[in-house]
Amino acid sequence: MSDPNDLERLSALDKRIEQMKAAHTPPPPKAESHVMAQHAWRMVTELVAGLLIGLGIGYGLDALFGTRPLFLVVFILLGFAAGIRVMMRSAAEVQRQSEEEAVKPARDRGEKDRG
């Protein structure tokens, strides 16, 4: 039959194996369920901010010069264009970050294989 000493050695080995597995398992992913929604709200806010800034500048210049709808329309359109431009820049930044995060685990696996 089995020696009691062997059972102790086996249980100690099991504990060491579990400790090694725990040390090498990656941590669970963070709860990032609303990250994309946050990026979308950021882009919407940037667009609205551009429109409101254009509206304010246009209305102010129209009040100053007495040309009621001219500068208002021009600066609303410029604010819209600026908001779209900032939105596109933010989308490119999010795209770049997601690509870097996708490449990072593969790069880490390559370094572990060499080591």
PDB file of N, CA and C in Angstrom:
ATOM      1  N   MET A   1       0.820  -1.173   0.000  1.00  0.00           N
ATOM      2  CA  MET A   1       0.000   0.000   0.000  1.00  0.00           C
ATOM      3  C   MET A   1       0.875   1.252   0.000  1.00  0.00           C
ATOM      4  N   SER A   2       0.228   2.394   0.115  1.00  0.00           N
ATOM      5  CA  SER A   2       0.943   3.666   0.091  1.00  0.00           C
ATOM      6  C   SER A   2       1.468   3.992   1.477  1.00  0.00           C
ATOM      7  N   ASP A   3       2.645   4.500   1.454  1.00  0.00           N
ATOM      8  CA  ASP A   3       3.275   4.944   2.697  1.00  0.00           C
ATOM      9  C   ASP A   3       2.682   6.300   3.082  1.00  0.00           C
ATOM     10  N   PRO A   4       2.395   6.577   4.363  1.00  0.00           N
ATOM     11  CA  PRO A   4       1.861   7.890   4.760  1.00  0.00           C
ATOM     12  C   PRO A   4       2.802   9.027   4.368  1.00  0.00           C
ATOM     13  N   ASN A   5       4.064   8.736   4.340  1.00  0.00           N
ATOM     14  CA  ASN A   5       5.037   9.745   3.940  1.00  0.00           C
ATOM     15  C   ASN A   5       4.837  10.134   2.477  1.00  0.00           C
ATOM     16  N   ASP A   6       4.483   9.146   1.631  1.00  0.00           N
ATOM     17  CA  ASP A   6       4.231   9.433   0.217  1.00  0.00           C
ATOM     18  C   ASP A   6       3.008  10.333   0.047  1.00  0.00           C
ATOM     19  N   LEU A   7       1.973  10.102   0.852  1.00  0.00           N
ATOM     20  CA  LEU A   7       0.780  10.941   0.764  1.00  0.00           C
ATOM     21  C   LEU A   7       1.082  12.388   1.145  1.00  0.00           C
ATOM     22  N   GLU A   8       1.918  12.562   2.151  1.00  0.00           N
ATOM     23  CA  GLU A   8       2.309  13.918   2.541  1.00  0.00           C
ATOM     24  C   GLU A   8       3.107  14.585   1.435  1.00  0.00           C
ATOM     25  N   ARG A   9       3.995  13.852   0.818  1.00  0.00           N
ATOM     26  CA  ARG A   9       4.806  14.400  -0.272  1.00  0.00           C
ATOM     27  C   ARG A   9       3.918  14.773  -1.465  1.00  0.00           C
ATOM     28  N   LEU A  10       2.933  13.923  -1.750  1.00  0.00           N
ATOM     29  CA  LEU A  10       2.019  14.217  -2.850  1.00  0.00           C
ATOM     30  C   LEU A  10       1.174  15.459  -2.567  1.00  0.00           C
ATOM     31  N   SER A  11       0.691  15.590  -1.353  1.00  0.00           N
ATOM     32  CA  SER A  11      -0.100  16.777  -1.025  1.00  0.00           C
ATOM     33  C   SER A  11       0.763  18.038  -1.062  1.00  0.00           C
ATOM     34  N   ALA A  12       2.015  17.928  -0.624  1.00  0.00           N
ATOM     35  CA  ALA A  12       2.926  19.073  -0.700  1.00  0.00           C
ATOM     36  C   ALA A  12       3.214  19.428  -2.157  1.00  0.00           C
ATOM     37  N   LEU A  13       3.364  18.400  -3.002  1.00  0.00           N
ATOM     38  CA  LEU A  13       3.588  18.633  -4.426  1.00  0.00           C
ATOM     39  C   LEU A  13       2.366  19.301  -5.059  1.00  0.00           C
ATOM     40  N   ASP A  14       1.162  18.854  -4.697  1.00  0.00           N
ATOM     41  CA  ASP A  14      -0.056  19.481  -5.202  1.00  0.00           C
ATOM     42  C   ASP A  14      -0.124  20.960  -4.821  1.00  0.00           C
ATOM     43  N   LYS A  15       0.234  21.266  -3.590  1.00  0.00           N
ATOM     44  CA  LYS A  15       0.223  22.658  -3.141  1.00  0.00           C
ATOM     45  C   LYS A  15       1.211  23.490  -3.937  1.00  0.00           C
ATOM     46  N   ARG A  16       2.408  22.943  -4.176  1.00  0.00           N
ATOM     47  CA  ARG A  16       3.422  23.683  -4.949  1.00  0.00           C
ATOM     48  C   ARG A  16       2.962  23.890  -6.388  1.00  0.00           C
ATOM     49  N   ILE A  17       2.325  22.868  -6.966  1.00  0.00           N
ATOM     50  CA  ILE A  17       1.826  23.006  -8.335  1.00  0.00           C
ATOM     51  C   ILE A  17       0.752  24.087  -8.411  1.00  0.00           C
ATOM     52  N   GLU A  18      -0.151  24.111  -7.459  1.00  0.00           N
ATOM     53  CA  GLU A  18      -1.198  25.134  -7.426  1.00  0.00           C
ATOM     54  C   GLU A  18      -0.601  26.525  -7.266  1.00  0.00           C
ATOM     55  N   GLN A  19       0.434  26.653  -6.434  1.00  0.00           N
ATOM     56  CA  GLN A  19       1.086  27.953  -6.256  1.00  0.00           C
ATOM     57  C   GLN A  19       1.745  28.403  -7.546  1.00  0.00           C
ATOM     58  N   MET A  20       2.382  27.484  -8.257  1.00  0.00           N
ATOM     59  CA  MET A  20       3.033  27.833  -9.524  1.00  0.00           C
ATOM     60  C   MET A  20       1.994  28.226 -10.574  1.00  0.00           C
ATOM     61  N   LYS A  21       0.884  27.496 -10.621  1.00  0.00           N
ATOM     62  CA  LYS A  21      -0.183  27.844 -11.566  1.00  0.00           C
ATOM     63  C   LYS A  21      -0.750  29.219 -11.248  1.00  0.00           C
ATOM     64  N   ALA A  22      -0.942  29.502  -9.979  1.00  0.00           N
ATOM     65  CA  ALA A  22      -1.486  30.802  -9.585  1.00  0.00           C
ATOM     66  C   ALA A  22      -0.524  31.921  -9.927  1.00  0.00           C
ATOM     67  N   ALA A  23       0.773  31.656  -9.836  1.00  0.00           N
ATOM     68  CA  ALA A  23       1.768  32.684 -10.144  1.00  0.00           C
ATOM     69  C   ALA A  23       1.828  32.971 -11.641  1.00  0.00           C
ATOM     70  N   HIS A  24       1.516  31.980 -12.480  1.00  0.00           N
ATOM     71  CA  HIS A  24       1.654  32.149 -13.925  1.00  0.00           C
ATOM     72  C   HIS A  24       0.340  32.420 -14.642  1.00  0.00           C
ATOM     73  N   THR A  25      -0.782  32.351 -13.958  1.00  0.00           N
ATOM     74  CA  THR A  25      -2.048  32.670 -14.617  1.00  0.00           C
ATOM     75  C   THR A  25      -2.211  34.181 -14.672  1.00  0.00           C
ATOM     76  N   PRO A  26      -2.666  34.696 -15.812  1.00  0.00           N
ATOM     77  CA  PRO A  26      -2.861  36.146 -15.913  1.00  0.00           C
ATOM     78  C   PRO A  26      -4.025  36.582 -15.033  1.00  0.00           C
ATOM     79  N   PRO A  27      -3.997  37.820 -14.578  1.00  0.00           N
ATOM     80  CA  PRO A  27      -5.114  38.313 -13.761  1.00  0.00           C
ATOM     81  C   PRO A  27      -6.376  38.387 -14.615  1.00  0.00           C
ATOM     82  N   PRO A  28      -7.525  38.282 -14.001  1.00  0.00           N
ATOM     83  CA  PRO A  28      -8.768  38.368 -14.779  1.00  0.00           C
ATOM     84  C   PRO A  28      -8.897  39.749 -15.409  1.00  0.00           C
ATOM     85  N   PRO A  29      -9.498  39.811 -16.591  1.00  0.00           N
ATOM     86  CA  PRO A  29      -9.623  41.118 -17.249  1.00  0.00           C
ATOM     87  C   PRO A  29     -10.497  42.060 -16.432  1.00  0.00           C
ATOM     88  N   LYS A  30     -10.165  43.341 -16.539  1.00  0.00           N
ATOM     89  CA  LYS A  30     -10.943  44.364 -15.832  1.00  0.00           C
ATOM     90  C   LYS A  30     -12.324  44.473 -16.459  1.00  0.00           C
ATOM     91  N   ALA A  31     -13.245  44.939 -15.676  1.00  0.00           N
ATOM     92  CA  ALA A  31     -14.605  45.138 -16.186  1.00  0.00           C
ATOM     93  C   ALA A  31     -14.619  46.407 -17.028  1.00  0.00           C
ATOM     94  N   GLU A  32     -14.472  46.226 -18.336  1.00  0.00           N
ATOM     95  CA  GLU A  32     -14.441  47.355 -19.261  1.00  0.00           C
ATOM     96  C   GLU A  32     -15.689  47.341 -20.132  1.00  0.00           C
ATOM     97  N   SER A  33     -16.820  47.168 -19.507  1.00  0.00           N
ATOM     98  CA  SER A  33     -18.046  47.047 -20.276  1.00  0.00           C
ATOM     99  C   SER A  33     -18.525  48.376 -20.851  1.00  0.00           C
ATOM    100  N   HIS A  34     -18.129  49.471 -20.239  1.00  0.00           N
ATOM    101  CA  HIS A  34     -18.637  50.767 -20.689  1.00  0.00           C
ATOM    102  C   HIS A  34     -17.558  51.636 -21.336  1.00  0.00           C
ATOM    103  N   VAL A  35     -16.443  51.055 -21.691  1.00  0.00           N
ATOM    104  CA  VAL A  35     -15.349  51.852 -22.248  1.00  0.00           C
ATOM    105  C   VAL A  35     -15.748  52.453 -23.590  1.00  0.00           C
ATOM    106  N   MET A  36     -16.366  51.658 -24.448  1.00  0.00           N
ATOM    107  CA  MET A  36     -16.739  52.170 -25.758  1.00  0.00           C
ATOM    108  C   MET A  36     -17.844  53.232 -25.644  1.00  0.00           C
ATOM    109  N   ALA A  37     -18.731  53.055 -24.688  1.00  0.00           N
ATOM    110  CA  ALA A  37     -19.769  54.065 -24.476  1.00  0.00           C
ATOM    111  C   ALA A  37     -19.142  55.375 -24.002  1.00  0.00           C
ATOM    112  N   GLN A  38     -18.117  55.279 -23.178  1.00  0.00           N
ATOM    113  CA  GLN A  38     -17.430  56.488 -22.720  1.00  0.00           C
ATOM    114  C   GLN A  38     -16.763  57.196 -23.882  1.00  0.00           C
ATOM    115  N   HIS A  39     -16.168  56.443 -24.789  1.00  0.00           N
ATOM    116  CA  HIS A  39     -15.557  57.068 -25.966  1.00  0.00           C
ATOM    117  C   HIS A  39     -16.620  57.725 -26.846  1.00  0.00           C
ATOM    118  N   ALA A  40     -17.760  57.070 -26.986  1.00  0.00           N
ATOM    119  CA  ALA A  40     -18.830  57.641 -27.804  1.00  0.00           C
ATOM    120  C   ALA A  40     -19.346  58.946 -27.196  1.00  0.00           C
ATOM    121  N   TRP A  41     -19.536  58.971 -25.884  1.00  0.00           N
ATOM    122  CA  TRP A  41     -20.003  60.204 -25.230  1.00  0.00           C
ATOM    123  C   TRP A  41     -18.965  61.311 -25.353  1.00  0.00           C
ATOM    124  N   ARG A  42     -17.689  60.932 -25.300  1.00  0.00           N
ATOM    125  CA  ARG A  42     -16.627  61.927 -25.469  1.00  0.00           C
ATOM    126  C   ARG A  42     -16.724  62.563 -26.844  1.00  0.00           C
ATOM    127  N   MET A  43     -16.951  61.743 -27.865  1.00  0.00           N
ATOM    128  CA  MET A  43     -17.042  62.267 -29.224  1.00  0.00           C
ATOM    129  C   MET A  43     -18.274  63.150 -29.397  1.00  0.00           C
ATOM    130  N   VAL A  44     -19.391  62.740 -28.834  1.00  0.00           N
ATOM    131  CA  VAL A  44     -20.608  63.554 -28.919  1.00  0.00           C
ATOM    132  C   VAL A  44     -20.394  64.897 -28.218  1.00  0.00           C
ATOM    133  N   THR A  45     -19.736  64.855 -27.064  1.00  0.00           N
ATOM    134  CA  THR A  45     -19.469  66.086 -26.322  1.00  0.00           C
ATOM    135  C   THR A  45     -18.569  67.018 -27.124  1.00  0.00           C
ATOM    136  N   GLU A  46     -17.568  66.450 -27.798  1.00  0.00           N
ATOM    137  CA  GLU A  46     -16.678  67.283 -28.607  1.00  0.00           C
ATOM    138  C   GLU A  46     -17.424  67.935 -29.766  1.00  0.00           C
ATOM    139  N   LEU A  47     -18.332  67.203 -30.381  1.00  0.00           N
ATOM    140  CA  LEU A  47     -19.112  67.762 -31.481  1.00  0.00           C
ATOM    141  C   LEU A  47     -20.028  68.880 -30.997  1.00  0.00           C
ATOM    142  N   VAL A  48     -20.723  68.645 -29.902  1.00  0.00           N
ATOM    143  CA  VAL A  48     -21.632  69.655 -29.354  1.00  0.00           C
ATOM    144  C   VAL A  48     -20.852  70.885 -28.891  1.00  0.00           C
ATOM    145  N   ALA A  49     -19.681  70.657 -28.301  1.00  0.00           N
ATOM    146  CA  ALA A  49     -18.858  71.795 -27.860  1.00  0.00           C
ATOM    147  C   ALA A  49     -18.447  72.655 -29.050  1.00  0.00           C
ATOM    148  N   GLY A  50     -18.051  72.005 -30.150  1.00  0.00           N
ATOM    149  CA  GLY A  50     -17.694  72.766 -31.346  1.00  0.00           C
ATOM    150  C   GLY A  50     -18.857  73.582 -31.865  1.00  0.00           C
ATOM    151  N   LEU A  51     -20.043  72.981 -31.869  1.00  0.00           N
ATOM    152  CA  LEU A  51     -21.232  73.712 -32.319  1.00  0.00           C
ATOM    153  C   LEU A  51     -21.552  74.898 -31.409  1.00  0.00           C
ATOM    154  N   LEU A  52     -21.494  74.675 -30.110  1.00  0.00           N
ATOM    155  CA  LEU A  52     -21.822  75.756 -29.172  1.00  0.00           C
ATOM    156  C   LEU A  52     -20.798  76.886 -29.222  1.00  0.00           C
ATOM    157  N   ILE A  53     -19.540  76.546 -29.368  1.00  0.00           N
ATOM    158  CA  ILE A  53     -18.521  77.595 -29.472  1.00  0.00           C
ATOM    159  C   ILE A  53     -18.737  78.396 -30.750  1.00  0.00           C
ATOM    160  N   GLY A  54     -19.029  77.696 -31.860  1.00  0.00           N
ATOM    161  CA  GLY A  54     -19.321  78.399 -33.116  1.00  0.00           C
ATOM    162  C   GLY A  54     -20.548  79.281 -32.993  1.00  0.00           C
ATOM    163  N   LEU A  55     -21.565  78.775 -32.318  1.00  0.00           N
ATOM    164  CA  LEU A  55     -22.785  79.559 -32.110  1.00  0.00           C
ATOM    165  C   LEU A  55     -22.487  80.813 -31.301  1.00  0.00           C
ATOM    166  N   GLY A  56     -21.724  80.670 -30.244  1.00  0.00           N
ATOM    167  CA  GLY A  56     -21.399  81.824 -29.396  1.00  0.00           C
ATOM    168  C   GLY A  56     -20.585  82.877 -30.133  1.00  0.00           C
ATOM    169  N   ILE A  57     -19.567  82.433 -30.860  1.00  0.00           N
ATOM    170  CA  ILE A  57     -18.738  83.396 -31.607  1.00  0.00           C
ATOM    171  C   ILE A  57     -19.564  84.072 -32.696  1.00  0.00           C
ATOM    172  N   GLY A  58     -20.346  83.292 -33.432  1.00  0.00           N
ATOM    173  CA  GLY A  58     -21.176  83.865 -34.507  1.00  0.00           C
ATOM    174  C   GLY A  58     -22.195  84.849 -33.980  1.00  0.00           C
ATOM    175  N   TYR A  59     -22.865  84.489 -32.886  1.00  0.00           N
ATOM    176  CA  TYR A  59     -23.865  85.389 -32.311  1.00  0.00           C
ATOM    177  C   TYR A  59     -23.200  86.672 -31.793  1.00  0.00           C
ATOM    178  N   GLY A  60     -22.040  86.512 -31.170  1.00  0.00           N
ATOM    179  CA  GLY A  60     -21.319  87.689 -30.661  1.00  0.00           C
ATOM    180  C   GLY A  60     -20.894  88.627 -31.777  1.00  0.00           C
ATOM    181  N   LEU A  61     -20.368  88.075 -32.860  1.00  0.00           N
ATOM    182  CA  LEU A  61     -19.953  88.922 -33.986  1.00  0.00           C
ATOM    183  C   LEU A  61     -21.163  89.558 -34.676  1.00  0.00           C
ATOM    184  N   ASP A  62     -22.255  88.817 -34.792  1.00  0.00           N
ATOM    185  CA  ASP A  62     -23.465  89.399 -35.377  1.00  0.00           C
ATOM    186  C   ASP A  62     -24.000  90.545 -34.512  1.00  0.00           C
ATOM    187  N   ALA A  63     -23.958  90.381 -33.208  1.00  0.00           N
ATOM    188  CA  ALA A  63     -24.418  91.449 -32.315  1.00  0.00           C
ATOM    189  C   ALA A  63     -23.491  92.654 -32.407  1.00  0.00           C
ATOM    190  N   LEU A  64     -22.194  92.384 -32.562  1.00  0.00           N
ATOM    191  CA  LEU A  64     -21.209  93.463 -32.639  1.00  0.00           C
ATOM    192  C   LEU A  64     -21.345  94.264 -33.937  1.00  0.00           C
ATOM    193  N   PHE A  65     -21.499  93.571 -35.057  1.00  0.00           N
ATOM    194  CA  PHE A  65     -21.538  94.234 -36.354  1.00  0.00           C
ATOM    195  C   PHE A  65     -22.945  94.493 -36.874  1.00  0.00           C
ATOM    196  N   GLY A  66     -23.960  93.933 -36.227  1.00  0.00           N
ATOM    197  CA  GLY A  66     -25.339  94.163 -36.661  1.00  0.00           C
ATOM    198  C   GLY A  66     -25.730  93.351 -37.887  1.00  0.00           C
ATOM    199  N   THR A  67     -25.043  92.299 -38.173  1.00  0.00           N
ATOM    200  CA  THR A  67     -25.366  91.436 -39.315  1.00  0.00           C
ATOM    201  C   THR A  67     -25.948  90.135 -38.779  1.00  0.00           C
ATOM    202  N   ARG A  68     -27.203  90.139 -38.429  1.00  0.00           N
ATOM    203  CA  ARG A  68     -27.812  89.086 -37.620  1.00  0.00           C
ATOM    204  C   ARG A  68     -27.506  87.653 -38.070  1.00  0.00           C
ATOM    205  N   PRO A  69     -27.884  87.138 -39.232  1.00  0.00           N
ATOM    206  CA  PRO A  69     -27.683  85.704 -39.433  1.00  0.00           C
ATOM    207  C   PRO A  69     -26.349  85.322 -40.089  1.00  0.00           C
ATOM    208  N   LEU A  70     -25.604  86.279 -40.625  1.00  0.00           N
ATOM    209  CA  LEU A  70     -24.429  85.954 -41.421  1.00  0.00           C
ATOM    210  C   LEU A  70     -23.355  85.218 -40.619  1.00  0.00           C
ATOM    211  N   PHE A  71     -22.791  85.844 -39.610  1.00  0.00           N
ATOM    212  CA  PHE A  71     -21.705  85.229 -38.844  1.00  0.00           C
ATOM    213  C   PHE A  71     -22.198  84.024 -38.032  1.00  0.00           C
ATOM    214  N   LEU A  72     -23.446  84.055 -37.624  1.00  0.00           N
ATOM    215  CA  LEU A  72     -24.010  82.941 -36.868  1.00  0.00           C
ATOM    216  C   LEU A  72     -23.955  81.658 -37.701  1.00  0.00           C
ATOM    217  N   VAL A  73     -24.409  81.725 -38.946  1.00  0.00           N
ATOM    218  CA  VAL A  73     -24.415  80.556 -39.819  1.00  0.00           C
ATOM    219  C   VAL A  73     -22.995  80.115 -40.138  1.00  0.00           C
ATOM    220  N   VAL A  74     -22.140  81.066 -40.466  1.00  0.00           N
ATOM    221  CA  VAL A  74     -20.753  80.739 -40.837  1.00  0.00           C
ATOM    222  C   VAL A  74     -20.026  80.064 -39.679  1.00  0.00           C
ATOM    223  N   PHE A  75     -20.145  80.613 -38.484  1.00  0.00           N
ATOM    224  CA  PHE A  75     -19.403  80.047 -37.361  1.00  0.00           C
ATOM    225  C   PHE A  75     -20.039  78.756 -36.819  1.00  0.00           C
ATOM    226  N   ILE A  76     -21.329  78.568 -36.997  1.00  0.00           N
ATOM    227  CA  ILE A  76     -21.921  77.273 -36.643  1.00  0.00           C
ATOM    228  C   ILE A  76     -21.356  76.196 -37.565  1.00  0.00           C
ATOM    229  N   LEU A  77     -21.256  76.515 -38.861  1.00  0.00           N
ATOM    230  CA  LEU A  77     -20.674  75.544 -39.792  1.00  0.00           C
ATOM    231  C   LEU A  77     -19.198  75.282 -39.477  1.00  0.00           C
ATOM    232  N   LEU A  78     -18.460  76.333 -39.143  1.00  0.00           N
ATOM    233  CA  LEU A  78     -17.052  76.143 -38.770  1.00  0.00           C
ATOM    234  C   LEU A  78     -16.923  75.337 -37.472  1.00  0.00           C
ATOM    235  N   GLY A  79     -17.804  75.590 -36.521  1.00  0.00           N
ATOM    236  CA  GLY A  79     -17.797  74.823 -35.274  1.00  0.00           C
ATOM    237  C   GLY A  79     -18.133  73.359 -35.509  1.00  0.00           C
ATOM    238  N   PHE A  80     -19.081  73.115 -36.430  1.00  0.00           N
ATOM    239  CA  PHE A  80     -19.426  71.745 -36.781  1.00  0.00           C
ATOM    240  C   PHE A  80     -18.233  71.037 -37.416  1.00  0.00           C
ATOM    241  N   ALA A  81     -17.550  71.713 -38.331  1.00  0.00           N
ATOM    242  CA  ALA A  81     -16.371  71.133 -38.981  1.00  0.00           C
ATOM    243  C   ALA A  81     -15.260  70.860 -37.964  1.00  0.00           C
ATOM    244  N   ALA A  82     -15.065  71.785 -37.052  1.00  0.00           N
ATOM    245  CA  ALA A  82     -14.043  71.584 -36.013  1.00  0.00           C
ATOM    246  C   ALA A  82     -14.420  70.418 -35.107  1.00  0.00           C
ATOM    247  N   GLY A  83     -15.695  70.300 -34.759  1.00  0.00           N
ATOM    248  CA  GLY A  83     -16.147  69.185 -33.930  1.00  0.00           C
ATOM    249  C   GLY A  83     -15.951  67.848 -34.620  1.00  0.00           C
ATOM    250  N   ILE A  84     -16.243  67.790 -35.914  1.00  0.00           N
ATOM    251  CA  ILE A  84     -16.032  66.561 -36.683  1.00  0.00           C
ATOM    252  C   ILE A  84     -14.547  66.222 -36.732  1.00  0.00           C
ATOM    253  N   ARG A  85     -13.723  67.234 -36.923  1.00  0.00           N
ATOM    254  CA  ARG A  85     -12.272  67.000 -36.987  1.00  0.00           C
ATOM    255  C   ARG A  85     -11.738  66.440 -35.662  1.00  0.00           C
ATOM    256  N   VAL A  86     -12.174  67.011 -34.559  1.00  0.00           N
ATOM    257  CA  VAL A  86     -11.733  66.527 -33.250  1.00  0.00           C
ATOM    258  C   VAL A  86     -12.287  65.123 -32.996  1.00  0.00           C
ATOM    259  N   MET A  87     -13.517  64.864 -33.428  1.00  0.00           N
ATOM    260  CA  MET A  87     -14.103  63.538 -33.290  1.00  0.00           C
ATOM    261  C   MET A  87     -13.303  62.504 -34.063  1.00  0.00           C
ATOM    262  N   MET A  88     -12.895  62.821 -35.269  1.00  0.00           N
ATOM    263  CA  MET A  88     -12.111  61.889 -36.083  1.00  0.00           C
ATOM    264  C   MET A  88     -10.738  61.636 -35.452  1.00  0.00           C
ATOM    265  N   ARG A  89     -10.157  62.662 -34.878  1.00  0.00           N
ATOM    266  CA  ARG A  89      -8.869  62.500 -34.193  1.00  0.00           C
ATOM    267  C   ARG A  89      -9.025  61.591 -32.972  1.00  0.00           C
ATOM    268  N   SER A  90     -10.107  61.747 -32.235  1.00  0.00           N
ATOM    269  CA  SER A  90     -10.372  60.888 -31.083  1.00  0.00           C
ATOM    270  C   SER A  90     -10.604  59.443 -31.519  1.00  0.00           C
ATOM    271  N   ALA A  91     -11.328  59.252 -32.621  1.00  0.00           N
ATOM    272  CA  ALA A  91     -11.575  57.901 -33.126  1.00  0.00           C
ATOM    273  C   ALA A  91     -10.268  57.240 -33.556  1.00  0.00           C
ATOM    274  N   ALA A  92      -9.370  58.005 -34.173  1.00  0.00           N
ATOM    275  CA  ALA A  92      -8.072  57.452 -34.566  1.00  0.00           C
ATOM    276  C   ALA A  92      -7.249  57.074 -33.333  1.00  0.00           C
ATOM    277  N   GLU A  93      -7.341  57.873 -32.284  1.00  0.00           N
ATOM    278  CA  GLU A  93      -6.628  57.579 -31.036  1.00  0.00           C
ATOM    279  C   GLU A  93      -7.153  56.296 -30.395  1.00  0.00           C
ATOM    280  N   VAL A  94      -8.476  56.123 -30.376  1.00  0.00           N
ATOM    281  CA  VAL A  94      -9.075  54.912 -29.817  1.00  0.00           C
ATOM    282  C   VAL A  94      -8.669  53.697 -30.653  1.00  0.00           C
ATOM    283  N   GLN A  95      -8.661  53.851 -31.972  1.00  0.00           N
ATOM    284  CA  GLN A  95      -8.251  52.766 -32.866  1.00  0.00           C
ATOM    285  C   GLN A  95      -6.803  52.364 -32.598  1.00  0.00           C
ATOM    286  N   ARG A  96      -5.930  53.349 -32.459  1.00  0.00           N
ATOM    287  CA  ARG A  96      -4.513  53.071 -32.212  1.00  0.00           C
ATOM    288  C   ARG A  96      -4.333  52.350 -30.877  1.00  0.00           C
ATOM    289  N   GLN A  97      -5.059  52.781 -29.843  1.00  0.00           N
ATOM    290  CA  GLN A  97      -4.954  52.134 -28.534  1.00  0.00           C
ATOM    291  C   GLN A  97      -5.440  50.696 -28.578  1.00  0.00           C
ATOM    292  N   SER A  98      -6.534  50.441 -29.292  1.00  0.00           N
ATOM    293  CA  SER A  98      -7.043  49.067 -29.360  1.00  0.00           C
ATOM    294  C   SER A  98      -6.096  48.172 -30.149  1.00  0.00           C
ATOM    295  N   GLU A  99      -5.449  48.710 -31.177  1.00  0.00           N
ATOM    296  CA  GLU A  99      -4.464  47.921 -31.923  1.00  0.00           C
ATOM    297  C   GLU A  99      -3.248  47.605 -31.065  1.00  0.00           C
ATOM    298  N   GLU A 100      -2.793  48.580 -30.267  1.00  0.00           N
ATOM    299  CA  GLU A 100      -1.654  48.343 -29.383  1.00  0.00           C
ATOM    300  C   GLU A 100      -1.984  47.296 -28.331  1.00  0.00           C
ATOM    301  N   GLU A 101      -3.202  47.317 -27.804  1.00  0.00           N
ATOM    302  CA  GLU A 101      -3.606  46.328 -26.810  1.00  0.00           C
ATOM    303  C   GLU A 101      -3.720  44.938 -27.420  1.00  0.00           C
ATOM    304  N   ALA A 102      -4.088  44.868 -28.712  1.00  0.00           N
ATOM    305  CA  ALA A 102      -4.186  43.570 -29.376  1.00  0.00           C
ATOM    306  C   ALA A 102      -2.801  42.993 -29.657  1.00  0.00           C
ATOM    307  N   VAL A 103      -1.830  43.848 -29.934  1.00  0.00           N
ATOM    308  CA  VAL A 103      -0.475  43.391 -30.241  1.00  0.00           C
ATOM    309  C   VAL A 103       0.293  43.048 -28.974  1.00  0.00           C
ATOM    310  N   LYS A 104      -0.006  43.704 -27.876  1.00  0.00           N
ATOM    311  CA  LYS A 104       0.754  43.531 -26.634  1.00  0.00           C
ATOM    312  C   LYS A 104       0.774  42.088 -26.128  1.00  0.00           C
ATOM    313  N   PRO A 105      -0.365  41.370 -26.036  1.00  0.00           N
ATOM    314  CA  PRO A 105      -0.294  39.976 -25.557  1.00  0.00           C
ATOM    315  C   PRO A 105       0.549  39.085 -26.458  1.00  0.00           C
ATOM    316  N   ALA A 106       0.481  39.290 -27.780  1.00  0.00           N
ATOM    317  CA  ALA A 106       1.290  38.486 -28.691  1.00  0.00           C
ATOM    318  C   ALA A 106       2.773  38.780 -28.490  1.00  0.00           C
ATOM    319  N   ARG A 107       3.103  40.035 -28.265  1.00  0.00           N
ATOM    320  CA  ARG A 107       4.495  40.413 -28.033  1.00  0.00           C
ATOM    321  C   ARG A 107       4.979  39.815 -26.718  1.00  0.00           C
ATOM    322  N   ASP A 108       4.125  39.822 -25.699  1.00  0.00           N
ATOM    323  CA  ASP A 108       4.500  39.240 -24.411  1.00  0.00           C
ATOM    324  C   ASP A 108       4.708  37.741 -24.526  1.00  0.00           C
ATOM    325  N   ARG A 109       3.862  37.055 -25.308  1.00  0.00           N
ATOM    326  CA  ARG A 109       4.041  35.617 -25.491  1.00  0.00           C
ATOM    327  C   ARG A 109       5.357  35.325 -26.179  1.00  0.00           C
ATOM    328  N   GLY A 110       5.722  36.152 -27.162  1.00  0.00           N
ATOM    329  CA  GLY A 110       6.998  35.964 -27.861  1.00  0.00           C
ATOM    330  C   GLY A 110       8.180  36.122 -26.939  1.00  0.00           C
ATOM    331  N   GLU A 111       8.110  37.070 -26.003  1.00  0.00           N
ATOM    332  CA  GLU A 111       9.204  37.273 -25.051  1.00  0.00           C
ATOM    333  C   GLU A 111       9.291  36.113 -24.070  1.00  0.00           C
ATOM    334  N   LYS A 112       8.150  35.545 -23.663  1.00  0.00           N
ATOM    335  CA  LYS A 112       8.165  34.424 -22.737  1.00  0.00           C
ATOM    336  C   LYS A 112       8.725  33.170 -23.402  1.00  0.00           C
ATOM    337  N   ASP A 113       8.436  32.997 -24.720  1.00  0.00           N
ATOM    338  CA  ASP A 113       8.940  31.822 -25.426  1.00  0.00           C
ATOM    339  C   ASP A 113      10.457  31.851 -25.523  1.00  0.00           C
ATOM    340  N   ARG A 114      11.014  33.043 -25.705  1.00  0.00           N
ATOM    341  CA  ARG A 114      12.465  33.170 -25.815  1.00  0.00           C
ATOM    342  C   ARG A 114      13.146  32.981 -24.475  1.00  0.00           C
ATOM    343  N   GLY A 115      12.458  33.374 -23.371  1.00  0.00           N
ATOM    344  CA  GLY A 115      13.063  33.380 -22.048  1.00  0.00           C
ATOM    345  C   GLY A 115      13.060  32.089 -21.397  1.00  0.00           C
TER     346      GLY A 115
END
